[in-house]
Structure formats: C-alpha cells, structure tokens
Protein backbone atom coordinates (compact mmCIF):
# COMPACT_ATOMS: atom_id res chain seq x y z
CA MET A 1 17.33 -6.36 -7.65
CA LYS A 2 14.85 -4.22 -9.65
CA ASN A 3 15.28 -0.62 -10.27
CA LEU A 4 12.51 1.77 -9.11
CA LEU A 5 10.64 3.08 -12.08
CA PHE A 6 8.52 5.78 -10.57
CA PHE A 7 8.91 8.76 -8.30
CA LEU A 8 5.98 7.61 -6.16
CA LEU A 9 6.09 3.87 -5.56
CA PRO A 10 4.00 2.06 -2.87
CA PHE A 11 6.12 0.32 -0.27
CA SER A 12 4.11 -2.88 -0.80
CA LEU A 13 5.78 -3.31 -4.20
CA PHE A 14 9.20 -3.73 -2.57
CA SER A 15 10.48 -7.29 -1.92
CA CYS A 16 10.81 -7.83 1.71
CA SER A 17 14.43 -8.97 1.32
CA GLN A 18 15.60 -6.36 -1.17
CA ALA A 19 16.41 -2.61 -1.17
CA PRO A 20 15.82 -0.43 -4.26
CA GLU A 21 18.80 -0.04 -6.52
CA THR A 22 17.86 3.52 -7.32
CA ALA A 23 16.09 6.26 -5.40
CA PRO A 24 14.29 8.70 -7.63
CA SER A 25 14.01 12.47 -6.90
CA THR A 26 12.49 15.52 -8.54
CA THR A 27 13.93 18.64 -10.03
CA ASN A 28 11.18 20.91 -11.22
CA ASN A 29 8.82 17.87 -11.07
CA GLU A 30 10.98 15.69 -13.37
CA VAL A 31 12.19 12.24 -12.39
CA GLU A 32 15.87 11.53 -12.25
CA LYS A 33 17.53 8.28 -11.12
CA ILE A 34 19.82 8.27 -8.15
CA GLN A 35 22.30 5.46 -7.45
CA ILE A 36 21.80 3.32 -4.37
CA ASN A 37 24.75 4.84 -2.48
CA THR A 38 23.10 8.29 -2.41
CA PRO A 39 21.29 9.27 0.83
CA TYR A 40 17.70 10.00 0.39
CA LEU A 41 14.57 11.20 2.33
CA THR A 42 11.53 8.85 2.27
CA VAL A 43 7.98 9.67 3.26
CA LEU A 44 6.59 7.01 5.67
CA GLY A 45 3.31 8.68 6.44
CA ILE A 46 1.24 11.77 5.59
CA ALA A 47 -1.79 11.83 7.92
CA GLN A 48 -2.42 13.96 11.01
CA ASP A 49 -1.90 12.42 14.54
CA GLY A 50 -5.11 10.29 14.38
CA GLY A 51 -4.32 8.76 11.02
CA PHE A 52 -6.64 8.14 8.06
CA PRO A 53 -9.30 6.82 8.55
CA HIS A 54 -9.82 8.54 11.87
CA ALA A 55 -11.23 6.79 14.98
CA ARG A 56 -15.07 6.75 15.00
CA CYS A 57 -15.16 8.82 11.85
CA GLU A 58 -18.20 7.60 9.74
CA LYS A 59 -18.37 10.66 7.60
CA ASP A 60 -17.86 10.57 3.83
CA CYS A 61 -14.20 11.42 4.20
CA CYS A 62 -13.53 8.19 6.02
CA LYS A 63 -16.36 5.96 5.09
CA GLU A 64 -14.84 4.49 1.94
CA VAL A 65 -11.48 3.95 3.61
CA TRP A 66 -13.03 1.78 6.37
CA ASP A 67 -14.28 -0.41 3.54
CA LYS A 68 -11.04 -0.32 1.60
CA LEU A 69 -8.20 -0.27 4.11
CA GLU A 70 -5.64 -0.33 1.33
CA LYS A 71 -6.47 3.34 1.06
CA ARG A 72 -5.43 4.06 4.63
CA LYS A 73 -2.73 6.66 5.28
CA MET A 74 -0.22 6.37 8.08
CA VAL A 75 0.67 9.22 10.49
CA SER A 76 3.13 11.85 9.23
CA CYS A 77 6.69 10.71 9.32
CA VAL A 78 9.79 10.88 7.19
CA ALA A 79 13.10 9.09 7.36
CA LEU A 80 16.70 9.92 6.33
CA VAL A 81 18.21 6.85 4.71
CA ASP A 82 21.85 6.17 4.05
CA PRO A 83 21.81 3.09 1.89
CA GLN A 84 25.62 2.80 1.61
CA ASN A 85 25.88 2.27 5.31
CA GLN A 86 22.53 0.73 5.68
CA LYS A 87 21.42 3.14 8.34
CA SER A 88 18.28 5.30 8.70
CA TRP A 89 16.93 7.96 11.04
CA MET A 90 13.20 8.46 11.63
CA PHE A 91 11.63 11.84 12.25
CA ASP A 92 8.87 11.26 14.83
CA ALA A 93 7.71 8.01 16.36
CA THR A 94 4.09 7.82 15.39
CA PRO A 95 1.20 5.47 16.31
CA ASP A 96 2.16 3.69 13.06
CA PHE A 97 5.69 3.24 14.22
CA ARG A 98 5.58 -0.57 14.00
CA ASP A 99 4.70 -0.52 10.24
CA GLN A 100 7.03 2.32 9.47
CA TRP A 101 9.96 0.62 11.19
CA HIS A 102 9.16 -2.58 9.22
CA ILE A 103 9.47 -0.58 5.98
CA LEU A 104 12.84 0.75 6.88
CA GLU A 105 14.27 -2.63 7.93
CA HIS A 106 12.65 -5.03 5.49
CA ASP A 107 11.66 -3.00 2.41
CA LEU A 108 14.56 -0.52 2.42
CA ASP A 109 17.13 -2.88 4.13
CA THR A 110 18.40 -0.34 6.65
CA GLU A 111 18.91 -0.37 10.41
CA LEU A 112 17.11 2.26 12.37
CA SER A 113 19.94 4.18 14.00
CA GLY A 114 17.96 6.95 15.80
CA ILE A 115 14.73 8.90 16.16
CA PHE A 116 14.33 12.66 16.09
CA LEU A 117 11.15 13.89 17.88
CA THR A 118 9.41 17.09 16.93
CA HIS A 119 7.11 17.48 20.00
CA ALA A 120 4.87 15.79 22.61
CA HIS A 121 1.64 15.49 20.73
CA ILE A 122 0.26 11.86 20.52
CA GLY A 123 0.99 11.49 16.77
CA HIS A 124 4.68 12.30 17.20
CA TYR A 125 6.19 10.32 20.07
CA THR A 126 3.79 7.61 21.28
CA GLY A 127 5.30 5.08 18.85
CA LEU A 128 8.19 4.90 21.32
CA MET A 129 6.13 2.37 23.30
CA HIS A 130 7.30 -0.30 20.77
CA LEU A 131 10.87 0.12 22.07
CA GLY A 132 9.87 -1.04 25.55
CA ARG A 133 10.16 -4.40 27.34
CA GLU A 134 6.59 -5.34 26.32
CA VAL A 135 7.57 -5.28 22.66
CA VAL A 136 11.09 -5.05 21.20
CA SER A 137 13.08 -4.11 24.29
CA THR A 138 15.72 -2.16 22.40
CA ASN A 139 19.11 -1.40 23.79
CA GLN A 140 19.77 2.35 24.03
CA MET A 141 18.09 3.41 20.84
CA PRO A 142 19.20 7.02 20.30
CA VAL A 143 16.19 9.35 20.69
CA TYR A 144 16.88 13.02 19.96
CA ALA A 145 14.76 15.52 21.87
CA MET A 146 14.69 19.31 22.77
CA PRO A 147 15.15 20.16 26.58
CA LYS A 148 11.51 20.15 27.60
CA MET A 149 10.78 17.13 25.56
CA LYS A 150 13.73 15.34 27.14
CA THR A 151 12.50 16.22 30.64
CA PHE A 152 9.01 15.09 29.77
CA LEU A 153 10.25 11.64 28.70
CA GLU A 154 12.53 11.31 31.67
CA SER A 155 9.86 12.27 34.34
CA SER A 156 6.60 10.88 32.86
CA GLY A 157 5.58 7.22 32.88
CA PRO A 158 5.45 5.07 30.92
CA TRP A 159 8.11 6.87 28.92
CA SER A 160 10.50 7.18 31.94
CA GLN A 161 10.63 3.40 32.07
CA LEU A 162 12.22 3.39 28.59
CA VAL A 163 14.91 5.63 29.94
CA ASN A 164 15.45 3.72 33.26
CA LEU A 165 15.69 0.38 31.44
CA LYS A 166 17.97 1.84 28.84
CA ASN A 167 15.67 0.93 26.00
CA ILE A 168 16.26 4.48 24.77
CA ALA A 169 19.20 6.83 25.06
CA LEU A 170 18.06 10.40 25.12
CA GLN A 171 20.23 12.79 23.08
CA ALA A 172 19.78 16.47 24.00
CA LEU A 173 18.98 18.96 21.20
CA GLN A 174 19.50 22.64 21.18
CA ASN A 175 17.72 25.07 18.85
CA GLU A 176 19.71 25.56 15.63
CA THR A 177 22.59 23.46 16.77
CA PRO A 178 23.50 20.84 14.24
CA VAL A 179 23.69 17.17 14.93
CA LEU A 180 26.33 15.27 12.89
CA LEU A 181 25.35 11.79 11.86
CA ASP A 182 27.35 8.96 10.33
CA GLY A 183 28.08 9.39 6.59
CA ASN A 184 28.60 13.15 6.74
CA LEU A 185 24.86 13.71 7.27
CA LYS A 186 23.52 16.52 9.42
CA VAL A 187 20.31 17.45 11.18
CA VAL A 188 19.48 20.85 12.49
CA PRO A 189 16.41 21.50 14.80
CA LEU A 190 14.46 24.69 14.31
CA GLN A 191 12.09 25.69 17.12
CA VAL A 192 8.67 26.76 15.88
CA PRO A 193 5.56 28.12 17.73
CA HIS A 194 2.86 25.52 18.35
CA ARG A 195 0.52 24.23 21.12
CA ASP A 196 3.25 23.29 23.57
CA GLU A 197 1.54 21.83 26.63
CA TYR A 198 4.36 19.26 27.42
CA SER A 199 7.27 20.24 25.27
CA GLU A 200 8.60 22.77 22.77
CA THR A 201 8.04 21.97 19.08
CA VAL A 202 10.66 21.77 16.41
CA GLY A 203 11.01 21.23 12.69
CA TYR A 204 14.20 20.04 11.09
CA GLN A 205 16.63 20.93 8.40
CA ILE A 206 17.94 17.56 7.04
CA HIS A 207 21.26 17.76 5.25
CA GLY A 208 22.29 15.07 2.80
CA LEU A 209 25.52 15.01 0.85
CA ASN A 210 24.40 17.34 -1.87
CA LYS A 211 20.88 18.67 -0.95
CA LYS A 212 18.86 19.78 2.09
CA ALA A 213 15.25 19.21 3.06
CA LEU A 214 12.96 21.05 5.56
CA PHE A 215 10.50 19.14 7.64
CA ILE A 216 7.87 21.15 9.59
CA PRO A 217 4.75 18.98 10.18
CA ASP A 218 3.20 21.20 12.92
CA ILE A 219 3.31 24.90 13.45
CA ASN A 220 0.95 27.77 14.32
CA LYS A 221 0.26 30.35 11.64
CA TRP A 222 3.49 31.08 9.56
CA GLU A 223 3.35 34.79 10.52
CA LEU A 224 3.76 33.91 14.24
CA TRP A 225 7.26 32.35 13.60
CA GLU A 226 10.16 34.66 14.03
CA LYS A 227 11.60 33.29 10.87
CA SER A 228 10.14 33.87 7.30
CA ILE A 229 8.98 30.55 5.91
CA VAL A 230 9.52 31.95 2.54
CA GLU A 231 13.16 32.54 3.28
CA GLU A 232 13.54 29.15 4.93
CA VAL A 233 12.26 27.45 1.77
CA LYS A 234 14.82 29.33 -0.31
CA LYS A 235 17.59 27.76 1.86
CA VAL A 236 16.67 24.16 1.07
CA ASP A 237 16.01 21.97 -1.96
CA TYR A 238 12.83 20.47 -0.59
CA ALA A 239 10.24 21.58 2.04
CA PHE A 240 7.69 19.24 3.68
CA LEU A 241 5.31 21.61 5.43
CA ASP A 242 2.24 21.61 7.67
CA GLY A 243 -0.84 20.98 5.57
CA SER A 244 -3.19 19.82 8.35
CA PHE A 245 -6.26 21.73 7.08
CA PHE A 246 -7.13 22.99 3.63
CA LYS A 247 -9.30 25.90 4.67
CA ASN A 248 -11.66 27.29 7.40
CA GLY A 249 -15.01 25.46 7.58
CA GLU A 250 -13.46 22.14 6.95
CA ILE A 251 -14.67 20.86 10.33
CA GLN A 252 -18.36 21.45 10.27
CA GLY A 253 -19.88 23.61 13.02
CA ARG A 254 -16.64 24.98 14.20
CA ASP A 255 -14.83 28.27 13.49
CA MET A 256 -11.26 27.00 12.81
CA SER A 257 -9.65 30.41 12.60
CA GLU A 258 -7.97 29.87 15.99
CA ILE A 259 -6.78 26.40 15.24
CA PRO A 260 -2.97 26.56 15.51
CA HIS A 261 -2.10 25.38 11.98
CA PRO A 262 -1.77 27.42 8.68
CA PHE A 263 -4.48 26.57 6.27
CA ILE A 264 -3.17 25.28 2.94
CA GLU A 265 -5.13 28.11 1.22
CA GLU A 266 -3.18 30.61 3.41
CA SER A 267 0.08 28.93 2.51
CA ILE A 268 -0.73 29.06 -1.20
CA GLN A 269 -1.10 32.87 -0.91
CA ILE A 270 2.13 33.20 1.14
CA PHE A 271 4.09 31.33 -1.55
CA SER A 272 2.25 32.83 -4.55
CA LYS A 273 5.10 35.27 -5.39
CA LEU A 274 7.83 32.71 -5.31
CA PRO A 275 9.25 31.76 -8.72
CA ALA A 276 8.21 28.39 -10.13
CA GLU A 277 11.42 26.61 -9.17
CA GLU A 278 10.99 27.64 -5.56
CA LYS A 279 7.34 26.60 -5.38
CA ALA A 280 8.30 23.19 -6.77
CA LYS A 281 10.28 22.53 -3.67
CA ILE A 282 7.15 22.58 -1.39
CA TYR A 283 5.25 19.46 -0.34
CA PHE A 284 2.32 19.65 2.00
CA ILE A 285 2.13 16.90 4.65
CA HIS A 286 0.34 15.95 7.94
CA PHE A 287 -3.21 16.00 6.62
CA ASN A 288 -6.23 15.85 9.02
CA HIS A 289 -8.81 13.23 8.03
CA THR A 290 -11.26 16.01 7.06
CA ASN A 291 -8.75 17.55 4.59
CA PRO A 292 -10.01 17.15 1.03
CA VAL A 293 -6.46 16.72 -0.15
CA LEU A 294 -6.74 13.15 0.99
CA GLN A 295 -9.57 12.56 -1.54
CA GLU A 296 -8.40 11.48 -5.02
CA ASN A 297 -9.19 14.00 -7.76
CA SER A 298 -10.55 16.59 -5.28
CA SER A 299 -10.63 20.24 -6.26
CA ALA A 300 -8.22 20.97 -3.36
CA ARG A 301 -5.56 18.76 -4.89
CA GLN A 302 -6.03 20.44 -8.23
CA GLU A 303 -5.80 23.84 -6.60
CA ILE A 304 -2.41 22.97 -5.01
CA LYS A 305 -1.03 21.62 -8.23
CA ALA A 306 -2.33 24.67 -10.19
CA ALA A 307 -0.41 26.83 -7.70
CA GLY A 308 2.81 25.02 -8.60
CA LEU A 309 3.00 23.26 -5.20
CA ASN A 310 3.04 19.54 -4.36
CA ILE A 311 1.38 17.03 -2.08
CA ALA A 312 3.49 14.50 -0.17
CA GLU A 313 2.70 10.83 -0.81
CA GLU A 314 3.69 7.73 1.10
CA GLY A 315 6.61 5.97 -0.67
CA MET A 316 8.23 9.10 -2.03
CA MET A 317 12.09 9.03 -2.19
CA ILE A 318 13.98 12.19 -2.73
CA ALA A 319 17.70 12.17 -3.10
CA LEU A 320 19.80 14.29 -0.82
C-alpha cells in the first residue's frame, strides 16, 4: 500500500481495495504522519444541504460546476474512523450518503458501525433511505438521535418503516451525555439553537485516543447559544464549524440578517482575539452554493486564511 503524501488528498486517488497506511493531520498547519492504527476524522462532504452545484442554479457560482462535475462538492459530513478495528461512524446521513458510504467501505476499508444525526433538515438525515428494503436493507444499523429526532423517525413515514423492519436500531442520545464506542472512542452531543421544526439540533464533540474534534455544521448566531463558542474551541484540538454563508447580501435581493446561521465574517470577528494556535484549530464547513468560499482563489478564501482560520476540504484526514 502507498502512504498518503498530502494533508488533503482526493478520495478518487485511493485504490478501491486498499486503505491508506498513514493518515496525516495538522498541528499549526504543518503536516505530520500518523500510523494506520491511529483513529482519525475524515471529511466526506463540505456543502450545504442542497449540495454543490445546487438544483436549478444557473448562476455563475454553479454554472462551471455543471459543466465540470469533477468540481462538485458533496453535502456536509464527517466520519470517525478506527482503522485498527476497521470500523467507522458517520456524522449525518446526507443526500450523498451512497457515495460517502462507498468511500468508507471501499477507499478507507472500514465497516460503517453507526450514524450520528445532528437534526431533521434534509441534508442531514435523508440519506437513511439507502438503508431501507428498496436499497441495502441493513440489519439494525445503529442510528444515534436526540429524543425529538428519535420520535420523528419512529412516527413519520417512510422513516418509521426503517424502524419497523429493523433496518435501523435507534439509539437514544441525551444532551452532553457521552456515548462510548469501540476502541475507547467517545462522542458527546451538544444541543445548539437552530431552526428546529421537527427535531432538536446538536453538534458533537468527537474524542479519539489523544485528541478531540468539535463538529457543529448548523447553528443560529453564536451569541444565541448558552455556551461560548470561543471557550468550546479551546476545549478541543480541531473545530469544524458552520460556514454556510460568508456575509450578508450573498443571496441577491434578500436581507439575510435573520437567516439562522453565523456569517463567516461574523465568526472571523468573534475569533479575532484568539491566539494563532487556537485559530488554527478552526475549519469552516457546510457551505451554501452561493458562498464564495467554494470558488477557487476567491477573496473570501484569502480573507479566511489571512485571519489564521481554515476551510474544510473533502478528503481531509485529521488524527485523533
């Protein structure tokens, strides 16, 4: 097997029958090699619920991507991988679940051992349909969900059929109560304020053997959370945070000030007083198709990097 040579490596470069022998990570933006028996977090998607390109979008932001689908970005998702035990756990079941599951099984040579859901918006749970009788017909795949999310899946079709046919086995979560996984790994749900029509919304602290990551793809403005995002970042080694929109005015003809997401411009200001080593932990994720961060060499990307912060990319592997 060949070693990974880069921190960011497209999944398409992996052999379908081989897993990477090393998983790179960053410390202050430097690459270090991690042996294959070290758990790691991998990024499987970075786009908002509708993906990139976005349905019916013929604007400049999507036009080139329709012509060059190799530039597409899958919907926001990360996975915790335990290569020693060949197991993995996915965080959210997105509309791109089929492709993301394939990456875990065939490119990274792991068995999907469970799915942690953040909330009931279409980009975060609808991939569960692939577990049903029409597709894979899994046998009691563990699906971790908060109380309202669990009730929603149990009582609403077609999701209730997954429960009734035992395609999935719902595992109840409680806010800030750790879930212990195989291999001494741990996951802690953190409830956050968001647009909660059908369920509550959570982010996750993901504990490896040596390091921790924070994953919050959706949240209202940071100041509406009872916790301080600055203090939460200090508790972990990496933080993948809601970067849905870069700034107000990004969606033409609409005042976005009431959209329940922190603008990246606002987040840059919130994190501006952190020391460089704390800023280096932060990776924005979950980009709307209008977000200029998705455009190569955009001024938005340059602004984020100049602020000492980072942009999540598909294929990232960060040792935990």
